[in-house]
Amino acid sequence: MSGMEREYICDRTLEGHESARKRGKTIGGAVVTDADMLAMALHLRDQEMSLRDIAKRLVITTGAKKGQHPSPATVMRMLREHDEQITTTRA
């Protein structure tokens, strides 16, 4: 019984996300990265710095988290998305 309820909740959640996307809403948190942050992260990565060290040097410039540092996971995602975008444009 609980498995059916969990599946029902999951389906309703996905329907809600789809409905929100159709209305132009975004799902998830606010974007904290920008082009300047990406450029600095790429520069620091070229110097073979760790993700943690890169995250400590970057500063969020807009939004509610202004002045804070992004998480290493955010830095990793930003760099991975950049690398994937470069790979797809070359193919």
C-alpha atoms as a PDB file:
ATOM      1  CA  MET A   1       0.000   0.000   0.000  1.00  0.00           C
ATOM      2  CA  SER A   2       2.764   2.472   0.903  1.00  0.00           C
ATOM      3  CA  GLY A   3       4.540   1.723  -2.387  1.00  0.00           C
ATOM      4  CA  MET A   4       1.435   2.724  -4.332  1.00  0.00           C
ATOM      5  CA  GLU A   5       1.105   5.923  -2.319  1.00  0.00           C
ATOM      6  CA  ARG A   6       4.765   6.810  -2.913  1.00  0.00           C
ATOM      7  CA  GLU A   7       4.312   6.229  -6.654  1.00  0.00           C
ATOM      8  CA  TYR A   8       1.175   8.405  -6.651  1.00  0.00           C
ATOM      9  CA  ILE A   9       3.023  11.238  -4.871  1.00  0.00           C
ATOM     10  CA  CYS A  10       5.934  10.953  -7.326  1.00  0.00           C
ATOM     11  CA  ASP A  11       3.582  11.108 -10.316  1.00  0.00           C
ATOM     12  CA  ARG A  12       1.777  14.157  -8.919  1.00  0.00           C
ATOM     13  CA  THR A  13       5.092  15.892  -8.243  1.00  0.00           C
ATOM     14  CA  LEU A  14       6.282  15.283 -11.800  1.00  0.00           C
ATOM     15  CA  GLU A  15       2.970  16.556 -13.151  1.00  0.00           C
ATOM     16  CA  GLY A  16       3.359  19.699 -11.040  1.00  0.00           C
ATOM     17  CA  HIS A  17       6.894  20.273 -12.349  1.00  0.00           C
ATOM     18  CA  GLU A  18       5.723  19.810 -15.926  1.00  0.00           C
ATOM     19  CA  SER A  19       2.828  22.212 -15.379  1.00  0.00           C
ATOM     20  CA  ALA A  20       5.179  24.797 -13.870  1.00  0.00           C
ATOM     21  CA  ARG A  21       7.604  24.500 -16.806  1.00  0.00           C
ATOM     22  CA  LYS A  22       4.731  25.042 -19.255  1.00  0.00           C
ATOM     23  CA  ARG A  23       3.908  28.252 -17.370  1.00  0.00           C
ATOM     24  CA  GLY A  24       7.524  29.385 -17.686  1.00  0.00           C
ATOM     25  CA  LYS A  25       8.551  28.701 -14.092  1.00  0.00           C
ATOM     26  CA  THR A  26      11.955  27.271 -13.259  1.00  0.00           C
ATOM     27  CA  ILE A  27      12.446  24.351 -10.929  1.00  0.00           C
ATOM     28  CA  GLY A  28      15.282  24.489  -8.422  1.00  0.00           C
ATOM     29  CA  GLY A  29      17.359  27.164  -6.803  1.00  0.00           C
ATOM     30  CA  ALA A  30      18.489  30.474  -8.198  1.00  0.00           C
ATOM     31  CA  VAL A  31      21.492  30.570 -10.501  1.00  0.00           C
ATOM     32  CA  VAL A  32      24.541  31.867  -8.628  1.00  0.00           C
ATOM     33  CA  THR A  33      27.152  31.536 -11.374  1.00  0.00           C
ATOM     34  CA  ASP A  34      27.972  34.010 -14.122  1.00  0.00           C
ATOM     35  CA  ALA A  35      30.445  34.379 -16.981  1.00  0.00           C
ATOM     36  CA  ASP A  36      33.066  36.110 -14.818  1.00  0.00           C
ATOM     37  CA  MET A  37      32.910  33.354 -12.222  1.00  0.00           C
ATOM     38  CA  LEU A  38      33.260  30.710 -14.951  1.00  0.00           C
ATOM     39  CA  ALA A  39      36.277  32.489 -16.443  1.00  0.00           C
ATOM     40  CA  MET A  40      37.974  32.652 -13.044  1.00  0.00           C
ATOM     41  CA  ALA A  41      37.158  28.999 -12.311  1.00  0.00           C
ATOM     42  CA  LEU A  42      38.627  27.938 -15.669  1.00  0.00           C
ATOM     43  CA  HIS A  43      41.759  29.961 -14.963  1.00  0.00           C
ATOM     44  CA  LEU A  44      42.169  28.408 -11.521  1.00  0.00           C
ATOM     45  CA  ARG A  45      41.510  24.916 -12.894  1.00  0.00           C
ATOM     46  CA  ASP A  46      44.272  25.459 -15.460  1.00  0.00           C
ATOM     47  CA  GLN A  47      46.566  26.098 -12.472  1.00  0.00           C
ATOM     48  CA  GLU A  48      45.538  22.617 -11.224  1.00  0.00           C
ATOM     49  CA  MET A  49      43.765  23.864  -8.104  1.00  0.00           C
ATOM     50  CA  SER A  50      41.280  21.564  -6.352  1.00  0.00           C
ATOM     51  CA  LEU A  51      37.536  22.216  -6.535  1.00  0.00           C
ATOM     52  CA  ARG A  52      37.516  23.188  -2.862  1.00  0.00           C
ATOM     53  CA  ASP A  53      40.282  25.729  -3.353  1.00  0.00           C
ATOM     54  CA  ILE A  54      38.565  27.141  -6.441  1.00  0.00           C
ATOM     55  CA  ALA A  55      35.279  27.466  -4.529  1.00  0.00           C
ATOM     56  CA  LYS A  56      37.057  29.310  -1.691  1.00  0.00           C
ATOM     57  CA  ARG A  57      38.411  31.896  -4.137  1.00  0.00           C
ATOM     58  CA  LEU A  58      35.141  32.537  -5.976  1.00  0.00           C
ATOM     59  CA  VAL A  59      32.478  34.908  -4.627  1.00  0.00           C
ATOM     60  CA  ILE A  60      28.794  35.003  -5.565  1.00  0.00           C
ATOM     61  CA  THR A  61      28.004  38.498  -6.855  1.00  0.00           C
ATOM     62  CA  THR A  62      24.190  38.527  -7.055  1.00  0.00           C
ATOM     63  CA  GLY A  63      21.103  37.279  -5.276  1.00  0.00           C
ATOM     64  CA  ALA A  64      20.422  36.229  -1.720  1.00  0.00           C
ATOM     65  CA  LYS A  65      23.818  34.510  -1.420  1.00  0.00           C
ATOM     66  CA  LYS A  66      25.772  37.591  -2.517  1.00  0.00           C
ATOM     67  CA  GLY A  67      29.205  37.684  -0.897  1.00  0.00           C
ATOM     68  CA  GLN A  68      29.267  33.971  -0.102  1.00  0.00           C
ATOM     69  CA  HIS A  69      31.366  31.296  -1.753  1.00  0.00           C
ATOM     70  CA  PRO A  70      29.786  28.683  -4.047  1.00  0.00           C
ATOM     71  CA  SER A  71      30.000  25.063  -2.978  1.00  0.00           C
ATOM     72  CA  PRO A  72      32.559  22.756  -4.607  1.00  0.00           C
ATOM     73  CA  ALA A  73      29.598  20.895  -6.146  1.00  0.00           C
ATOM     74  CA  THR A  74      28.430  24.115  -7.808  1.00  0.00           C
ATOM     75  CA  VAL A  75      31.919  24.722  -9.181  1.00  0.00           C
ATOM     76  CA  MET A  76      32.117  21.144 -10.451  1.00  0.00           C
ATOM     77  CA  ARG A  77      28.701  21.440 -12.152  1.00  0.00           C
ATOM     78  CA  MET A  78      29.612  24.785 -13.712  1.00  0.00           C
ATOM     79  CA  LEU A  79      32.879  23.412 -15.124  1.00  0.00           C
ATOM     80  CA  ARG A  80      31.266  20.165 -16.307  1.00  0.00           C
ATOM     81  CA  GLU A  81      28.486  22.057 -18.127  1.00  0.00           C
ATOM     82  CA  HIS A  82      31.105  24.278 -19.756  1.00  0.00           C
ATOM     83  CA  ASP A  83      33.155  21.257 -20.865  1.00  0.00           C
ATOM     84  CA  GLU A  84      30.045  19.512 -22.228  1.00  0.00           C
ATOM     85  CA  GLN A  85      29.041  22.643 -24.141  1.00  0.00           C
ATOM     86  CA  ILE A  86      32.516  22.906 -25.672  1.00  0.00           C
ATOM     87  CA  THR A  87      32.455  19.213 -26.623  1.00  0.00           C
ATOM     88  CA  THR A  88      29.039  19.436 -28.314  1.00  0.00           C
ATOM     89  CA  THR A  89      29.967  22.551 -30.305  1.00  0.00           C
ATOM     90  CA  ARG A  90      33.116  20.870 -31.631  1.00  0.00           C
ATOM     91  CA  ALA A  91      31.245  17.727 -32.708  1.00  0.00           C
END
